Amino acid sequence: MNHTQFIYDVVHSYTATIYIGLKDFATGVTADPALLQEFVRSYVREFRRGTPAGCVTVTPTTFSFVDGYEDGFAIGFINYPRFPTSPDAIKQSALRFAEALVVEFRQRRVSVVLPDETVMIAPVEV
């Protein structure tokens, strides 16, 4: 019988989840989910250049509301023990990334759910 040994690397838990639909608010056209996946991968590659997000999950979801539904994604940030960072750095990274998603995917709003608050981000009409 094989007796595998394990190493445990522990950090304080902290998560942030961005919720985003894919429907362009101006045209009503739904973006290709592959574009969002690639946008996230590009963001995570920036980690090597100082972006505090070494591990980001992308999970398809459906938002149901009074007038209908919309497909979208939950984009999760965790304090990953391989690339540990502070809760504030994770929060700020999630908020900045949510802003980039609003612009890139032309959203009216996205929500960022943190352990102690939920932040709605919407572009200001100028």
Foldseek 3Di string as FASTA:
>chain_A
DDDDDDDDQDDDKWKKKKWDFQQAPVPRDGDDVVVVVVVVVVLCVCVVVPQQAVDKDWAWDKAADDVGITITIIIMGIQDRVRGDDNVSNVVSVVVVLVVCCVVRNNQWMWMDTPVDIDIDGDDDD
